[in-house]
Amino acid sequence: MINIRVLTLGLLLLFSFDGFSQETNPIDKLDSGERDPRKRQVDYHYGYKNRPHSFKEASTHVAAVYGITWVLYPATQPKVFRDKGSFKNYKRNFGRLVFDHDEPFWNWFVHPISGSQLYLFYRANGYSRVDSLGMSFISSTLFELTVEIYTEPASVQDLYQTPVIGSILGLGLENLSMYLLNSGNVLGKFLGHALNPATLFWFYEGKVQMIPRYNGKKTGSLTFVMDF
């Protein structure tokens, strides 16, 4: 019985050290990856790339955001939508602009946060920072003038606070999230995606594959290939 236990322990230690040596030798991994591309270790670099958009594509993005606002507004404020909302109010509020008396929490926190996510949505779709500000302004204005009026008149403050302050906040979130996503650790990536959820969706265009290649036979150098 003792010999069987010793033999078992020896085999476990042997396999453990063998596995450890393989895991801690990245050159072997890279070399085998070169022989079989399917086995390459792939990492990602997060960033943004600006590109031109056609009128049709920009209209599609605006329409997508507009449709989502009609879903999110009653979903996030069901009591307000139910108690204050009506098509009679919609008709009466259409075209009206007022200075609202909402609590600072809504004007200086909720609306800028919403604007920041609009900004980051358009950035994820390849719009420049200036264009993302403009697209956020269009989407925010459509919400104020044609969606929120179902319950209350459009707010003058919200027309500029949501896109302008939101885009400034979005720029800060953009820089912070990119730093965290490229930090190389799990917690950083988790926080980066939490601050910038648009990076999780299929339309995000800034995610680039970083494929390591080791050229040991010629120069002994380690290079990374960026696959768009």
Protein backbone atom coordinates (compact mmCIF):
# COMPACT_ATOMS: atom_id res chain seq x y z
CA MET A 1 0.00 0.00 0.00
CA ILE A 2 2.85 2.38 0.85
CA ASN A 3 4.60 1.71 -2.44
CA ILE A 4 1.41 2.42 -4.40
CA ARG A 5 0.97 5.73 -2.58
CA VAL A 6 4.57 6.72 -3.21
CA LEU A 7 4.28 5.77 -6.87
CA THR A 8 1.04 7.74 -7.23
CA LEU A 9 2.55 10.79 -5.55
CA GLY A 10 5.61 10.56 -7.79
CA LEU A 11 3.49 10.43 -10.94
CA LEU A 12 1.45 13.42 -9.80
CA LEU A 13 4.59 15.45 -9.11
CA LEU A 14 6.04 14.44 -12.47
CA PHE A 15 2.95 15.57 -14.39
CA SER A 16 2.73 18.74 -12.29
CA PHE A 17 6.29 19.81 -13.07
CA ASP A 18 5.89 18.84 -16.70
CA GLY A 19 2.75 20.99 -16.99
CA PHE A 20 4.42 23.85 -15.14
CA SER A 21 7.41 23.84 -17.47
CA GLN A 22 5.11 23.99 -20.48
CA GLU A 23 3.02 26.83 -19.05
CA THR A 24 6.05 28.96 -18.17
CA ASN A 25 7.75 28.67 -21.54
CA PRO A 26 6.01 31.23 -23.79
CA ILE A 27 8.52 30.75 -26.59
CA ASP A 28 7.46 27.13 -27.00
CA LYS A 29 3.83 28.27 -27.10
CA LEU A 30 4.53 30.89 -29.71
CA ASP A 31 6.60 28.52 -31.80
CA SER A 32 3.89 25.88 -31.75
CA GLY A 33 1.37 28.59 -32.55
CA GLU A 34 3.33 29.49 -35.62
CA ARG A 35 3.20 25.88 -36.77
CA ASP A 36 -0.55 25.73 -36.16
CA PRO A 37 -2.30 29.15 -36.39
CA ARG A 38 -5.31 27.76 -34.55
CA LYS A 39 -3.17 27.38 -31.41
CA ARG A 40 -1.88 30.96 -31.31
CA GLN A 41 -2.44 32.92 -28.16
CA VAL A 42 -4.58 35.90 -29.13
CA ASP A 43 -4.89 39.07 -27.11
CA TYR A 44 -6.81 42.22 -27.94
CA HIS A 45 -6.00 45.89 -28.09
CA TYR A 46 -8.88 48.29 -27.47
CA GLY A 47 -9.09 51.68 -29.11
CA TYR A 48 -11.07 53.68 -31.64
CA LYS A 49 -10.78 54.17 -35.36
CA ASN A 50 -12.49 57.07 -37.07
CA ARG A 51 -14.05 56.55 -40.47
CA PRO A 52 -16.51 58.34 -42.74
CA HIS A 53 -20.19 57.36 -42.64
CA SER A 54 -22.77 57.59 -45.35
CA PHE A 55 -26.05 59.39 -44.74
CA LYS A 56 -27.85 56.06 -44.84
CA GLU A 57 -25.58 54.53 -42.22
CA ALA A 58 -25.81 57.56 -39.92
CA SER A 59 -29.61 57.55 -40.30
CA THR A 60 -29.68 53.86 -39.36
CA HIS A 61 -27.70 54.55 -36.18
CA VAL A 62 -29.96 57.43 -35.21
CA ALA A 63 -33.05 55.33 -35.90
CA ALA A 64 -31.68 52.48 -33.76
CA VAL A 65 -31.05 54.81 -30.82
CA TYR A 66 -34.44 56.45 -31.29
CA GLY A 67 -36.21 53.09 -31.17
CA ILE A 68 -34.31 52.09 -28.04
CA THR A 69 -35.33 55.29 -26.25
CA TRP A 70 -39.01 54.45 -26.80
CA VAL A 71 -38.34 51.15 -25.04
CA LEU A 72 -36.09 52.42 -22.25
CA TYR A 73 -38.17 55.44 -21.24
CA PRO A 74 -41.26 53.53 -20.06
CA ALA A 75 -39.07 50.65 -18.81
CA THR A 76 -36.95 52.86 -16.54
CA GLN A 77 -39.75 55.20 -15.41
CA PRO A 78 -42.91 53.07 -15.45
CA LYS A 79 -44.71 55.10 -12.76
CA VAL A 80 -44.15 58.45 -14.51
CA PHE A 81 -45.06 56.96 -17.87
CA ARG A 82 -48.23 55.45 -16.47
CA ASP A 83 -49.40 58.38 -14.27
CA LYS A 84 -48.44 61.34 -16.45
CA GLY A 85 -48.30 59.90 -19.93
CA SER A 86 -51.11 60.21 -22.45
CA PHE A 87 -51.55 61.05 -26.12
CA LYS A 88 -53.48 64.11 -24.99
CA ASN A 89 -50.37 65.34 -23.17
CA TYR A 90 -48.27 64.39 -26.18
CA LYS A 91 -50.35 66.63 -28.44
CA ARG A 92 -50.33 69.50 -25.91
CA ASN A 93 -46.59 69.27 -25.24
CA PHE A 94 -45.52 68.97 -28.86
CA GLY A 95 -43.34 71.97 -29.76
CA ARG A 96 -43.26 73.36 -26.20
CA LEU A 97 -40.00 74.22 -24.43
CA VAL A 98 -39.79 74.94 -20.72
CA PHE A 99 -37.12 75.38 -18.06
CA ASP A 100 -37.76 72.36 -15.91
CA HIS A 101 -37.47 72.30 -12.13
CA ASP A 102 -36.20 68.74 -11.83
CA GLU A 103 -33.92 67.78 -8.97
CA PRO A 104 -30.17 68.32 -9.57
CA PHE A 105 -29.72 64.54 -9.48
CA TRP A 106 -31.60 64.28 -12.78
CA ASN A 107 -30.20 67.35 -14.51
CA TRP A 108 -26.57 66.97 -13.45
CA PHE A 109 -26.19 63.23 -13.12
CA VAL A 110 -28.79 61.11 -14.93
CA HIS A 111 -28.92 63.18 -18.13
CA PRO A 112 -25.12 63.58 -18.45
CA ILE A 113 -24.66 59.85 -17.81
CA SER A 114 -27.20 59.13 -20.55
CA GLY A 115 -25.41 61.55 -22.85
CA SER A 116 -22.06 59.93 -22.14
CA GLN A 117 -23.38 56.54 -23.22
CA LEU A 118 -24.81 58.07 -26.40
CA TYR A 119 -21.39 59.54 -27.12
CA LEU A 120 -19.67 56.19 -26.47
CA PHE A 121 -22.20 54.37 -28.65
CA TYR A 122 -21.33 56.55 -31.63
CA ARG A 123 -17.61 56.34 -30.88
CA ALA A 124 -17.93 52.54 -30.91
CA ASN A 125 -19.44 52.81 -34.41
CA GLY A 126 -16.42 54.63 -35.80
CA TYR A 127 -17.48 58.28 -35.42
CA SER A 128 -14.89 60.89 -34.49
CA ARG A 129 -15.18 62.74 -31.21
CA VAL A 130 -16.69 65.80 -32.85
CA ASP A 131 -19.09 63.72 -34.92
CA SER A 132 -20.08 61.71 -31.84
CA LEU A 133 -20.97 64.95 -30.08
CA GLY A 134 -23.11 65.97 -33.06
CA MET A 135 -24.84 62.60 -33.30
CA SER A 136 -25.48 62.63 -29.54
CA PHE A 137 -27.07 66.05 -29.91
CA ILE A 138 -29.38 64.75 -32.66
CA SER A 139 -30.42 61.68 -30.66
CA SER A 140 -30.91 63.67 -27.45
CA THR A 141 -32.99 66.30 -29.25
CA LEU A 142 -35.21 63.67 -30.84
CA PHE A 143 -35.83 62.15 -27.42
CA GLU A 144 -36.67 65.48 -25.81
CA LEU A 145 -38.95 66.72 -28.60
CA THR A 146 -40.73 63.52 -29.63
CA VAL A 147 -40.48 60.93 -26.82
CA GLU A 148 -40.39 62.60 -23.42
CA ILE A 149 -43.27 64.90 -24.37
CA TYR A 150 -45.54 61.91 -23.81
CA THR A 151 -45.28 62.79 -20.11
CA GLU A 152 -43.92 66.38 -19.93
CA PRO A 153 -42.78 69.27 -22.13
CA ALA A 154 -39.27 69.30 -23.54
CA SER A 155 -36.63 70.78 -21.23
CA VAL A 156 -34.33 73.59 -22.34
CA GLN A 157 -31.59 72.47 -19.93
CA ASP A 158 -31.72 68.88 -21.09
CA LEU A 159 -31.31 69.88 -24.73
CA TYR A 160 -27.74 70.98 -24.08
CA GLN A 161 -26.78 69.31 -20.81
CA THR A 162 -27.39 65.79 -22.08
CA PRO A 163 -25.24 65.95 -25.25
CA VAL A 164 -22.64 68.57 -24.23
CA ILE A 165 -21.90 67.65 -20.62
CA GLY A 166 -22.57 64.02 -21.52
CA SER A 167 -19.94 64.08 -24.28
CA ILE A 168 -17.39 65.70 -21.96
CA LEU A 169 -18.07 62.96 -19.42
CA GLY A 170 -18.02 60.39 -22.21
CA LEU A 171 -14.56 61.57 -23.29
CA GLY A 172 -13.29 61.00 -19.76
CA LEU A 173 -14.92 57.56 -19.63
CA GLU A 174 -13.46 56.77 -23.04
CA ASN A 175 -9.89 57.49 -21.94
CA LEU A 176 -10.27 55.72 -18.60
CA SER A 177 -11.96 52.65 -20.08
CA MET A 178 -9.30 52.29 -22.81
CA TYR A 179 -6.58 52.43 -20.16
CA LEU A 180 -8.32 49.78 -18.07
CA LEU A 181 -9.16 47.51 -21.01
CA ASN A 182 -5.53 47.55 -22.16
CA SER A 183 -4.14 47.10 -18.64
CA GLY A 184 -3.73 43.36 -19.15
CA ASN A 185 -5.54 42.21 -16.03
CA VAL A 186 -9.01 40.77 -15.50
CA LEU A 187 -10.20 43.43 -13.03
CA GLY A 188 -9.12 46.22 -15.36
CA LYS A 189 -11.00 44.71 -18.28
CA PHE A 190 -14.10 44.19 -16.15
CA LEU A 191 -14.10 47.83 -14.97
CA GLY A 192 -13.34 49.07 -18.48
CA HIS A 193 -16.34 47.27 -19.95
CA ALA A 194 -18.53 48.41 -17.04
CA LEU A 195 -17.66 52.06 -17.69
CA ASN A 196 -17.96 51.68 -21.45
CA PRO A 197 -20.57 48.96 -22.19
CA ALA A 198 -20.53 49.70 -25.93
CA THR A 199 -17.19 47.87 -26.12
CA LEU A 200 -19.03 44.61 -25.41
CA PHE A 201 -21.28 44.70 -28.47
CA TRP A 202 -20.73 43.44 -32.00
CA PHE A 203 -20.76 46.93 -33.52
CA TYR A 204 -17.67 48.06 -31.59
CA GLU A 205 -15.02 48.69 -34.26
CA GLY A 206 -11.98 49.42 -32.11
CA LYS A 207 -11.17 45.88 -30.93
CA VAL A 208 -8.00 44.68 -32.65
CA GLN A 209 -6.49 41.20 -32.38
CA MET A 210 -2.87 41.11 -31.24
CA ILE A 211 -1.29 37.85 -32.47
CA PRO A 212 2.23 37.17 -31.11
CA ARG A 213 4.84 35.76 -33.43
CA TYR A 214 8.28 34.57 -32.40
CA ASN A 215 11.00 34.54 -35.03
CA GLY A 216 13.56 32.49 -33.14
CA LYS A 217 15.34 31.00 -36.12
CA LYS A 218 16.29 34.29 -37.74
CA THR A 219 16.37 37.19 -35.29
CA GLY A 220 15.04 35.82 -32.03
CA SER A 221 12.55 38.68 -31.93
CA LEU A 222 9.00 38.74 -30.61
CA THR A 223 6.49 40.70 -32.71
CA PHE A 224 2.75 41.30 -32.55
CA VAL A 225 0.55 41.26 -35.61
CA MET A 226 -2.56 43.45 -35.50
CA ASP A 227 -5.51 41.78 -37.19
CA PHE A 228 -8.44 44.11 -37.93
